C-alpha atoms as a PDB file:
ATOM      1  CA  MET A   1       0.252  -0.309  -0.181  1.00  0.00           C
ATOM      2  CA  ALA A   2       0.782   3.760  -0.908  1.00  0.00           C
ATOM      3  CA  ALA A   3       1.993   5.465   1.899  1.00  0.00           C
ATOM      4  CA  LYS A   4      -0.542   9.023   3.036  1.00  0.00           C
ATOM      5  CA  ARG A   5      -0.662  11.877   1.116  1.00  0.00           C
ATOM      6  CA  THR A   6      -0.483  14.676   3.240  1.00  0.00           C
ATOM      7  CA  ILE A   7      -3.039  17.135   2.173  1.00  0.00           C
ATOM      8  CA  GLU A   8      -3.562  20.586   4.740  1.00  0.00           C
ATOM      9  CA  ILE A   9      -5.863  22.856   4.239  1.00  0.00           C
ATOM     10  CA  PHE A  10      -5.713  26.842   6.360  1.00  0.00           C
ATOM     11  CA  SER A  11      -8.889  28.286   6.369  1.00  0.00           C
ATOM     12  CA  THR A  12     -10.908  31.037   8.080  1.00  0.00           C
ATOM     13  CA  GLY A  13     -14.043  28.400   7.184  1.00  0.00           C
ATOM     14  CA  CYS A  14     -15.334  31.760   5.309  1.00  0.00           C
ATOM     15  CA  ASP A  15     -17.143  30.180   1.549  1.00  0.00           C
ATOM     16  CA  VAL A  16     -14.841  30.386  -0.350  1.00  0.00           C
ATOM     17  CA  CYS A  17     -12.545  28.298   1.960  1.00  0.00           C
ATOM     18  CA  ALA A  18     -15.136  26.374   1.032  1.00  0.00           C
ATOM     19  CA  GLU A  19     -15.785  26.013  -1.741  1.00  0.00           C
ATOM     20  CA  LEU A  20     -11.780  25.253  -1.723  1.00  0.00           C
ATOM     21  CA  VAL A  21     -12.288  22.063   1.026  1.00  0.00           C
ATOM     22  CA  ALA A  22     -14.642  20.580  -1.330  1.00  0.00           C
ATOM     23  CA  GLN A  23     -12.729  21.106  -4.870  1.00  0.00           C
ATOM     24  CA  VAL A  24      -9.482  19.284  -3.212  1.00  0.00           C
ATOM     25  CA  ARG A  25     -11.944  16.225  -0.654  1.00  0.00           C
ATOM     26  CA  GLN A  26     -13.406  15.967  -4.978  1.00  0.00           C
ATOM     27  CA  ALA A  27     -10.030  15.827  -6.359  1.00  0.00           C
ATOM     28  CA  ALA A  28      -8.273  14.452  -3.271  1.00  0.00           C
ATOM     29  CA  CYS A  29      -7.825  10.271  -4.305  1.00  0.00           C
ATOM     30  CA  ASP A  30      -7.565   7.331  -1.786  1.00  0.00           C
ATOM     31  CA  SER A  31      -3.504   7.481  -0.796  1.00  0.00           C
ATOM     32  CA  CYS A  32      -4.927  11.440   0.258  1.00  0.00           C
ATOM     33  CA  GLU A  33      -5.467  12.734   3.717  1.00  0.00           C
ATOM     34  CA  VAL A  34      -6.996  15.899   3.930  1.00  0.00           C
ATOM     35  CA  SER A  35      -7.354  17.772   6.596  1.00  0.00           C
ATOM     36  CA  VAL A  36      -8.969  21.293   7.528  1.00  0.00           C
ATOM     37  CA  HIS A  37      -6.806  23.978   9.792  1.00  0.00           C
ATOM     38  CA  ALA A  38      -8.890  26.503  11.415  1.00  0.00           C
ATOM     39  CA  MET A  39      -6.880  29.819  11.371  1.00  0.00           C
ATOM     40  CA  GLN A  40      -9.031  30.690  14.644  1.00  0.00           C
ATOM     41  CA  ASP A  41      -6.759  28.487  16.532  1.00  0.00           C
ATOM     42  CA  ALA A  42      -3.499  30.006  17.580  1.00  0.00           C
ATOM     43  CA  ASP A  43      -1.447  27.276  17.174  1.00  0.00           C
ATOM     44  CA  VAL A  44      -3.560  26.496  13.851  1.00  0.00           C
ATOM     45  CA  ALA A  45      -2.231  30.320  12.626  1.00  0.00           C
ATOM     46  CA  ALA A  46       1.659  29.504  14.278  1.00  0.00           C
ATOM     47  CA  ARG A  47       1.752  26.856  12.048  1.00  0.00           C
ATOM     48  CA  ALA A  48       0.994  28.512   9.409  1.00  0.00           C
ATOM     49  CA  LYS A  49       3.136  31.513   9.660  1.00  0.00           C
ATOM     50  CA  ALA A  50       5.863  28.893  10.202  1.00  0.00           C
ATOM     51  CA  LEU A  51       4.882  27.926   6.731  1.00  0.00           C
ATOM     52  CA  SER A  52       5.151  31.841   5.439  1.00  0.00           C
ATOM     53  CA  ILE A  53       1.284  30.829   4.484  1.00  0.00           C
ATOM     54  CA  ARG A  54       0.313  34.795   3.468  1.00  0.00           C
ATOM     55  CA  ALA A  55      -3.393  33.955   2.385  1.00  0.00           C
ATOM     56  CA  LEU A  56      -6.033  31.955   2.803  1.00  0.00           C
ATOM     57  CA  PRO A  57      -6.879  29.893   2.099  1.00  0.00           C
ATOM     58  CA  ALA A  58      -3.774  27.689   1.645  1.00  0.00           C
ATOM     59  CA  VAL A  59      -2.981  23.640   1.502  1.00  0.00           C
ATOM     60  CA  VAL A  60       0.012  22.510   2.269  1.00  0.00           C
ATOM     61  CA  ILE A  61       0.526  18.874  -0.263  1.00  0.00           C
ATOM     62  CA  ASP A  62       3.309  17.021   1.710  1.00  0.00           C
ATOM     63  CA  GLY A  63       4.534  19.836   3.672  1.00  0.00           C
ATOM     64  CA  THR A  64       5.441  21.850   1.130  1.00  0.00           C
ATOM     65  CA  LEU A  65       3.280  25.650   0.406  1.00  0.00           C
ATOM     66  CA  ALA A  66       0.876  24.928  -3.142  1.00  0.00           C
ATOM     67  CA  ASP A  67       3.166  27.746  -5.103  1.00  0.00           C
ATOM     68  CA  CYS A  68      -0.033  28.657  -6.288  1.00  0.00           C
ATOM     69  CA  CYS A  69      -1.249  29.521  -2.371  1.00  0.00           C
ATOM     70  CA  THR A  70       2.019  31.682  -2.379  1.00  0.00           C
ATOM     71  CA  GLY A  71       0.690  34.866  -3.743  1.00  0.00           C
ATOM     72  CA  ARG A  72      -3.573  35.056  -5.101  1.00  0.00           C
ATOM     73  CA  GLY A  73      -5.502  32.116  -5.537  1.00  0.00           C
ATOM     74  CA  VAL A  74      -5.423  28.267  -5.706  1.00  0.00           C
ATOM     75  CA  ASP A  75      -5.047  26.674  -9.163  1.00  0.00           C
ATOM     76  CA  LEU A  76      -6.022  23.063  -8.807  1.00  0.00           C
ATOM     77  CA  ALA A  77      -3.637  21.948 -11.777  1.00  0.00           C
ATOM     78  CA  VAL A  78      -0.181  22.676  -9.159  1.00  0.00           C
ATOM     79  CA  LEU A  79      -1.802  20.987  -6.769  1.00  0.00           C
ATOM     80  CA  ARG A  80      -2.159  18.103  -8.622  1.00  0.00           C
ATOM     81  CA  ASN A  81       1.650  18.515 -10.077  1.00  0.00           C
ATOM     82  CA  LEU A  82       2.543  18.151  -6.771  1.00  0.00           C
ATOM     83  CA  GLY A  83       0.682  14.511  -6.374  1.00  0.00           C
ATOM     84  CA  LEU A  84      -2.564  15.943  -5.349  1.00  0.00           C
ATOM     85  CA  GLY A  85      -5.506  12.898  -6.465  1.00  0.00           C
ATOM     86  CA  ARG A  86      -2.603  10.527  -7.093  1.00  0.00           C
ATOM     87  CA  ALA A  87      -1.680   7.550  -5.545  1.00  0.00           C
END
C-alpha cells in the first residue's frame, strides 16, 4: 500500500474556504489524507506563519506550501502536480 499523502488546508471557515475544501476533497484520492485547519486556533496560526502562509485559503501538500497559494488564488492543476489525487 502506498504511503498517505498529507493534504492540509488552512481556512478561516468562510464560503471561499469551504468551496476550496470541497474541491480538494473531490480531487483527492484514497492515498490523500485531507485535513482542514481553522486559523482561529492560535497553534494553527503559528504553524501557518512558520509555513509562510500569507493568504487564505492555503494548501500544504506533504509539508510544502503549494506555489499557487503563495500569491492570490489556488490552482488545482498546481496541486495535482504536487501529487493531489495520485497514489
